[in-house]
């Protein structure tokens, strides 16, 4: 049996790579097939390529903020393509899981999305704002968490992370990982202001005896690559380490390296959403610098320390970052909820009466 993915993006964003790997784990024994080119899915284990002659038993619209639309009065080409995929899939066999409806999806775009989702076998979102918006638009949406909470590590995460930290001269007992990103019309934010404040935060952390290090989590197209912004921050802070999970290959896997880094580091400042999710999955608490609805929701529902990125005051943030070092998190409730919700939605799309069994601890 085959589960065909819709709305895929790229495994060169490691947050998305974890999503795809989790889907393959949860959907087993189904074969999860993707139309992404081999190069785009190379960092996501468990995905198979789409084969035109292979029958599809269910369709899944996957990903996080895939329904971004940066043109309020019109539709972007990418949004229209994503919407078309939902429109042509057999509605009784198609479901959406683990997505957010971003703030940029409004007006005409949101109306068309809601109409398409009302036809689906099931819709489960990962934040309360998206849940409320869709419910008010007549979509029978359910609320859960990001699907990565159900991820089961498969590789040698700690050795891969230790090697990267050693190569960078970083002591994990002193390390504070800071994920970064560039901003654009999809996520409006002042890039120069971001660079200035993160550089100042790094200097202040260093002055407190910590070892700040920038974490590269995405190396995809356009603004979804962390390398340029990391270089700009590094130009303002001498000898600032940059930890690159993609450099774990060919002897290690980037997803394993990312998981290991977030489990080993003394602290984590999560600008990127999946930095926070994977730190929590490791049983530790991040300091959240959220810039969109998904991050704000995660921080609010799990009472994470942090602030909206627009409100970041580096000096004021130090106490909260240091306090987060001492906090643990048990991710089992999120893991169990996602696993059960996914099983129920998949069973409905397959026309089965009983959902797949929930994983045991």
Protein backbone atom coordinates (compact mmCIF):
# COMPACT_ATOMS: atom_id res chain seq x y z
CA UNK A 1 0.00 0.00 0.00
CA UNK A 2 1.16 3.53 -0.78
CA UNK A 3 0.77 6.94 0.87
CA UNK A 4 1.43 9.73 -1.60
CA UNK A 5 2.67 13.09 -0.27
CA UNK A 6 1.40 16.46 -1.41
CA UNK A 7 2.86 19.92 -0.69
CA UNK A 8 6.41 18.66 -0.09
CA UNK A 9 9.17 21.22 0.23
CA UNK A 10 12.80 20.11 0.66
CA UNK A 11 14.82 17.99 3.04
CA UNK A 12 17.56 20.63 2.85
CA UNK A 13 15.63 22.27 5.66
CA UNK A 14 16.32 19.74 8.42
CA UNK A 15 13.07 20.57 10.20
CA UNK A 16 11.25 19.35 7.10
CA UNK A 17 13.58 16.36 6.84
CA UNK A 18 12.53 15.29 10.34
CA UNK A 19 8.87 15.72 9.35
CA UNK A 20 9.32 13.41 6.36
CA UNK A 21 11.19 10.80 8.36
CA UNK A 22 8.51 10.87 11.06
CA UNK A 23 5.81 10.38 8.46
CA UNK A 24 7.60 7.33 7.08
CA UNK A 25 7.83 5.91 10.61
CA UNK A 26 4.19 6.57 11.50
CA UNK A 27 2.76 5.37 8.18
CA UNK A 28 4.60 2.01 8.18
CA UNK A 29 3.92 -0.53 6.74
CA UNK A 30 2.65 1.78 4.00
CA UNK A 31 5.26 2.99 1.51
CA UNK A 32 5.51 6.79 1.63
CA UNK A 33 6.09 8.23 -1.82
CA UNK A 34 7.17 11.74 -2.76
CA UNK A 35 7.45 13.59 -6.04
CA UNK A 36 10.48 15.51 -4.81
CA UNK A 37 13.58 15.01 -6.93
CA UNK A 38 16.14 12.64 -5.40
CA UNK A 39 18.40 15.57 -4.53
CA UNK A 40 15.61 17.34 -2.66
CA UNK A 41 14.74 14.31 -0.55
CA UNK A 42 18.31 13.12 0.07
CA UNK A 43 18.32 14.09 3.76
CA UNK A 44 15.00 12.36 4.54
CA UNK A 45 15.30 8.65 5.13
CA UNK A 46 12.30 6.44 4.43
CA UNK A 47 10.84 8.27 1.43
CA UNK A 48 10.45 6.53 -1.92
CA UNK A 49 10.11 8.25 -5.24
CA UNK A 50 6.71 8.49 -6.90
CA UNK A 51 6.11 5.94 -9.67
CA UNK A 52 3.29 6.88 -12.10
CA UNK A 53 2.08 3.30 -12.50
CA UNK A 54 1.98 2.63 -8.74
CA UNK A 55 -1.52 2.81 -7.22
CA UNK A 56 -2.06 5.30 -4.39
CA UNK A 57 -4.15 4.25 -1.40
CA UNK A 58 -4.13 7.62 0.40
CA UNK A 59 -2.85 11.15 -0.07
CA UNK A 60 -1.35 13.39 2.61
CA UNK A 61 -0.82 17.15 2.50
CA UNK A 62 2.27 17.55 4.63
CA UNK A 63 4.62 20.22 5.83
CA UNK A 64 4.39 23.21 8.11
CA UNK A 65 3.65 26.68 6.75
CA UNK A 66 3.19 25.43 3.17
CA UNK A 67 0.21 27.68 2.49
CA UNK A 68 2.09 30.96 2.73
CA UNK A 69 0.80 33.61 0.33
CA UNK A 70 2.83 36.82 0.20
CA UNK A 71 0.38 38.70 -2.08
CA UNK A 72 -2.66 39.65 0.07
CA UNK A 73 -4.99 40.60 -2.78
CA UNK A 74 -3.86 37.88 -5.20
CA UNK A 75 -2.37 34.39 -5.15
CA UNK A 76 1.30 33.54 -5.50
CA UNK A 77 2.15 30.84 -8.02
CA UNK A 78 3.44 28.55 -5.27
CA UNK A 79 0.27 28.93 -3.22
CA UNK A 80 -1.88 28.22 -6.27
CA UNK A 81 0.12 25.07 -7.02
CA UNK A 82 -0.25 23.82 -3.44
CA UNK A 83 -3.97 24.54 -3.51
CA UNK A 84 -4.38 22.73 -6.84
CA UNK A 85 -2.83 19.60 -5.37
CA UNK A 86 -5.49 19.55 -2.66
CA UNK A 87 -8.24 20.24 -5.17
CA UNK A 88 -7.41 17.35 -7.51
CA UNK A 89 -6.70 14.68 -4.87
CA UNK A 90 -9.63 12.34 -4.14
CA UNK A 91 -11.11 14.08 -1.06
CA UNK A 92 -12.24 10.91 0.72
CA UNK A 93 -8.68 9.54 0.51
CA UNK A 94 -6.78 12.75 1.31
CA UNK A 95 -5.95 14.35 4.64
CA UNK A 96 -3.79 17.22 5.91
CA UNK A 97 -1.67 16.79 9.02
CA UNK A 98 0.72 18.88 11.09
CA UNK A 99 0.31 22.15 9.23
CA UNK A 100 -0.16 25.74 10.33
CA UNK A 101 -2.13 28.37 8.49
CA UNK A 102 0.36 31.25 8.37
CA UNK A 103 -0.63 34.87 8.86
CA UNK A 104 0.13 35.58 5.19
CA UNK A 105 -2.75 33.27 4.17
CA UNK A 106 -5.75 35.58 4.39
CA UNK A 107 -8.54 37.02 2.31
CA UNK A 108 -9.06 35.21 -0.98
CA UNK A 109 -6.23 32.75 -0.29
CA UNK A 110 -7.65 31.66 3.06
CA UNK A 111 -11.17 31.36 1.66
CA UNK A 112 -9.99 29.05 -1.12
CA UNK A 113 -7.86 27.00 1.28
CA UNK A 114 -10.76 26.54 3.70
CA UNK A 115 -13.04 25.46 0.87
CA UNK A 116 -10.50 22.84 -0.25
CA UNK A 117 -9.96 21.58 3.29
CA UNK A 118 -13.68 21.21 3.97
CA UNK A 119 -13.68 18.41 1.38
CA UNK A 120 -10.87 16.36 2.92
CA UNK A 121 -11.11 13.17 4.95
CA UNK A 122 -9.39 14.92 7.84
CA UNK A 123 -7.44 18.04 8.84
CA UNK A 124 -5.15 18.23 11.87
CA UNK A 125 -3.17 21.38 12.63
CA UNK A 126 -0.40 22.09 15.12
CA UNK A 127 -1.43 25.44 16.63
CA UNK A 128 -4.54 26.88 18.24
CA UNK A 129 -4.77 29.97 16.02
CA UNK A 130 -4.93 27.85 12.85
CA UNK A 131 -7.41 25.53 14.55
CA UNK A 132 -9.70 28.41 15.47
CA UNK A 133 -9.49 30.06 12.04
CA UNK A 134 -10.31 26.84 10.21
CA UNK A 135 -13.12 25.92 12.60
CA UNK A 136 -14.71 29.34 12.12
CA UNK A 137 -14.47 28.77 8.35
CA UNK A 138 -16.39 25.51 8.62
CA UNK A 139 -13.45 23.09 8.49
CA UNK A 140 -13.71 20.18 10.93
CA UNK A 141 -10.08 20.63 11.97
CA UNK A 142 -8.46 18.85 14.90
CA UNK A 143 -5.66 20.25 17.07
CA UNK A 144 -2.46 18.36 17.87
CA UNK A 145 1.26 19.19 17.89
CA UNK A 146 4.03 19.27 15.32
CA UNK A 147 4.50 15.81 13.87
CA UNK A 148 8.22 15.82 14.77
CA UNK A 149 7.22 15.16 18.39
CA UNK A 150 6.53 11.58 17.26
CA UNK A 151 10.00 11.11 15.76
CA UNK A 152 11.97 8.05 16.81
CA UNK A 153 15.75 8.58 16.44
CA UNK A 154 17.32 5.96 14.19
CA UNK A 155 21.01 6.85 13.90
CA UNK A 156 24.14 7.61 15.87
CA UNK A 157 23.12 11.09 16.98
CA UNK A 158 25.57 11.70 19.83
CA UNK A 159 28.78 10.58 18.04
CA UNK A 160 27.90 12.74 15.02
CA UNK A 161 27.26 15.74 17.27
CA UNK A 162 30.40 15.19 19.35
CA UNK A 163 32.52 15.14 16.21
CA UNK A 164 31.08 18.45 14.98
CA UNK A 165 31.53 20.13 18.37
CA UNK A 166 35.09 18.87 18.69
CA UNK A 167 35.96 20.12 15.21
CA UNK A 168 34.59 23.56 16.14
CA UNK A 169 36.44 23.62 19.48
CA UNK A 170 33.18 23.85 21.43
CA UNK A 171 32.65 22.33 24.87
CA UNK A 172 29.08 20.98 25.05
CA UNK A 173 28.95 21.72 28.79
CA UNK A 174 29.35 25.44 28.00
CA UNK A 175 27.69 25.54 24.59
CA UNK A 176 24.61 27.64 23.86
CA UNK A 177 23.36 26.83 20.36
CA UNK A 178 21.50 29.64 18.57
CA UNK A 179 19.54 28.82 15.44
CA UNK A 180 19.23 31.59 12.87
CA UNK A 181 17.41 32.40 9.66
CA UNK A 182 16.88 35.13 7.09
CA UNK A 183 13.51 36.83 6.82
CA UNK A 184 11.47 37.80 3.76
CA UNK A 185 7.92 38.64 2.70
CA UNK A 186 6.66 35.33 4.11
CA UNK A 187 8.03 36.16 7.56
CA UNK A 188 8.51 39.95 7.72
CA UNK A 189 11.29 40.98 10.04
CA UNK A 190 14.20 43.43 9.88
CA UNK A 191 17.24 41.32 8.97
CA UNK A 192 19.74 43.99 9.99
CA UNK A 193 18.09 44.37 13.38
CA UNK A 194 18.12 40.59 13.80
CA UNK A 195 21.83 40.36 13.01
CA UNK A 196 22.64 43.20 15.41
CA UNK A 197 20.67 41.73 18.31
CA UNK A 198 21.90 38.14 17.88
CA UNK A 199 25.48 39.38 17.68
CA UNK A 200 24.97 41.32 20.91
CA UNK A 201 23.39 38.27 22.53
CA UNK A 202 26.45 36.20 21.58
CA UNK A 203 28.80 38.76 23.11
CA UNK A 204 26.79 38.87 26.33
CA UNK A 205 26.65 35.06 26.60
CA UNK A 206 30.41 34.89 26.06
CA UNK A 207 30.90 37.47 28.79
CA UNK A 208 28.99 35.20 31.17
CA UNK A 209 31.37 32.32 30.50
CA UNK A 210 29.21 30.47 27.98
CA UNK A 211 30.23 29.38 24.48
CA UNK A 212 27.62 30.66 22.02
CA UNK A 213 27.58 28.92 18.63
CA UNK A 214 25.36 29.44 15.61
CA UNK A 215 23.43 26.40 14.43
CA UNK A 216 22.77 25.92 10.71
CA UNK A 217 19.44 24.15 10.27
CA UNK A 218 18.55 24.96 6.68
CA UNK A 219 20.49 25.09 3.43
CA UNK A 220 17.62 25.28 0.96
CA UNK A 221 16.88 27.81 -1.76
CA UNK A 222 16.64 31.58 -1.41
CA UNK A 223 16.20 33.00 2.06
CA UNK A 224 15.76 29.51 3.52
CA UNK A 225 19.50 29.08 3.91
CA UNK A 226 21.15 29.99 7.17
CA UNK A 227 24.66 30.44 5.80
CA UNK A 228 24.50 34.09 4.76
CA UNK A 229 22.95 35.35 7.97
CA UNK A 230 25.42 33.27 10.01
CA UNK A 231 28.29 34.86 8.10
CA UNK A 232 26.91 38.35 8.80
CA UNK A 233 26.62 37.63 12.52
CA UNK A 234 30.07 36.06 12.55
CA UNK A 235 31.54 39.19 11.00
CA UNK A 236 30.49 41.09 14.14
CA UNK A 237 31.62 38.54 16.75
CA UNK A 238 35.20 37.34 16.52
CA UNK A 239 35.79 33.58 16.46
CA UNK A 240 32.11 32.73 16.74
CA UNK A 241 31.69 28.99 16.02
CA UNK A 242 29.20 27.90 13.37
CA UNK A 243 27.97 24.33 13.75
CA UNK A 244 26.87 22.73 10.49
CA UNK A 245 24.96 19.41 10.72
CA UNK A 246 25.17 19.07 6.95
CA UNK A 247 28.93 18.62 7.40
CA UNK A 248 28.27 15.34 9.22
CA UNK A 249 27.95 13.59 5.85
CA UNK A 250 29.15 11.23 4.44
CA UNK A 251 30.03 9.42 7.69
CA UNK A 252 27.02 10.72 9.63
CA UNK A 253 23.51 11.91 8.82
CA UNK A 254 22.53 15.61 9.19
CA UNK A 255 19.28 14.79 11.01
CA UNK A 256 21.15 12.61 13.51
CA UNK A 257 23.73 15.34 14.01
CA UNK A 258 21.05 17.98 14.64
CA UNK A 259 19.29 15.79 17.19
CA UNK A 260 22.57 15.04 18.95
CA UNK A 261 23.62 18.68 19.07
CA UNK A 262 20.35 19.76 20.66
CA UNK A 263 20.59 16.94 23.19
CA UNK A 264 24.21 17.69 24.17
CA UNK A 265 24.32 21.48 24.30
CA UNK A 266 24.01 23.24 27.64
CA UNK A 267 21.41 25.57 26.18
CA UNK A 268 19.50 26.28 22.98
CA UNK A 269 18.08 29.58 21.74
CA UNK A 270 15.42 28.59 19.23
CA UNK A 271 14.79 31.09 16.48
CA UNK A 272 13.85 28.28 14.12
CA UNK A 273 10.73 26.41 15.18
CA UNK A 274 12.14 22.90 14.93
CA UNK A 275 15.11 23.85 17.08
CA UNK A 276 12.54 24.22 19.85
CA UNK A 277 10.63 21.05 18.96
CA UNK A 278 13.72 18.85 18.78
CA UNK A 279 15.19 20.30 21.97
CA UNK A 280 11.92 19.41 23.70
CA UNK A 281 11.99 15.96 22.11
CA UNK A 282 15.40 15.49 23.73
CA UNK A 283 13.80 16.18 27.11
CA UNK A 284 15.25 19.67 27.48
CA UNK A 285 13.78 23.17 27.38
CA UNK A 286 14.77 25.79 24.77
CA UNK A 287 14.61 29.55 25.03
CA UNK A 288 12.13 30.50 22.29
CA UNK A 289 12.61 33.53 20.06
CA UNK A 290 9.48 33.04 17.96
CA UNK A 291 8.68 35.01 14.83
CA UNK A 292 5.40 33.40 13.66
CA UNK A 293 2.19 31.81 14.89
CA UNK A 294 3.67 28.31 15.20
CA UNK A 295 6.46 29.39 17.56
CA UNK A 296 4.21 31.61 19.65
CA UNK A 297 1.72 28.77 20.05
CA UNK A 298 4.38 26.26 21.10
CA UNK A 299 5.84 28.67 23.64
CA UNK A 300 2.43 29.52 25.08
CA UNK A 301 1.01 25.99 25.28
CA UNK A 302 4.18 24.51 26.81
CA UNK A 303 5.05 27.65 28.83
CA UNK A 304 8.50 27.95 27.34
CA UNK A 305 10.82 30.78 28.36
CA UNK A 306 11.37 33.30 25.63
CA UNK A 307 9.88 36.23 23.79
CA UNK A 308 8.67 37.35 20.41
CA UNK A 309 11.67 38.04 18.20
CA UNK A 310 10.55 41.63 17.66
CA UNK A 311 10.74 42.19 21.43
CA UNK A 312 14.19 40.68 21.97
CA UNK A 313 16.33 42.64 24.42
CA UNK A 314 19.63 40.71 24.54
CA UNK A 315 20.59 41.90 28.02
CA UNK A 316 17.18 41.09 29.46
CA UNK A 317 17.13 37.66 27.80
CA UNK A 318 20.27 36.34 29.53
CA UNK A 319 18.55 35.42 32.80
CA UNK A 320 15.82 33.49 31.00
CA UNK A 321 18.31 31.67 28.79
CA UNK A 322 20.39 30.61 31.79
CA UNK A 323 17.27 29.52 33.70
CA UNK A 324 16.28 27.28 30.78
CA UNK A 325 19.49 25.24 31.31
CA UNK A 326 17.99 23.80 34.49
CA UNK A 327 14.60 22.80 33.08
CA UNK A 328 13.58 19.41 31.71
CA UNK A 329 10.61 18.46 29.55
CA UNK A 330 8.81 15.13 29.21
CA UNK A 331 7.68 14.96 25.55
CA UNK A 332 5.59 11.81 25.98
CA UNK A 333 2.22 13.60 26.00
CA UNK A 334 2.99 15.30 22.69
CA UNK A 335 4.46 12.10 21.21
CA UNK A 336 1.39 10.03 22.15
CA UNK A 337 -1.10 12.65 20.95
CA UNK A 338 0.56 13.04 17.55
CA UNK A 339 0.89 9.29 17.08
CA UNK A 340 -2.75 8.63 17.93
CA UNK A 341 -4.07 11.56 15.87
CA UNK A 342 -2.04 10.56 12.83
CA UNK A 343 -3.16 6.94 13.07
CA UNK A 344 -6.81 7.97 13.27
CA UNK A 345 -6.55 10.32 10.28
CA UNK A 346 -4.68 7.78 8.17
CA UNK A 347 -7.20 5.07 9.00
CA UNK A 348 -10.04 7.37 7.96
CA UNK A 349 -8.35 8.17 4.64
CA UNK A 350 -7.79 4.45 4.03
CA UNK A 351 -11.41 3.70 4.87
CA UNK A 352 -10.49 1.58 7.86
CA UNK A 353 -12.61 1.38 10.98
CA UNK A 354 -9.73 1.12 13.47
CA UNK A 355 -6.75 3.47 13.70
CA UNK A 356 -3.18 2.25 13.72
CA UNK A 357 -2.01 1.38 17.25
CA UNK A 358 -0.41 4.08 19.35
CA UNK A 359 3.32 3.61 20.05
CA UNK A 360 4.15 2.45 23.58
CA UNK A 361 6.75 4.10 25.72
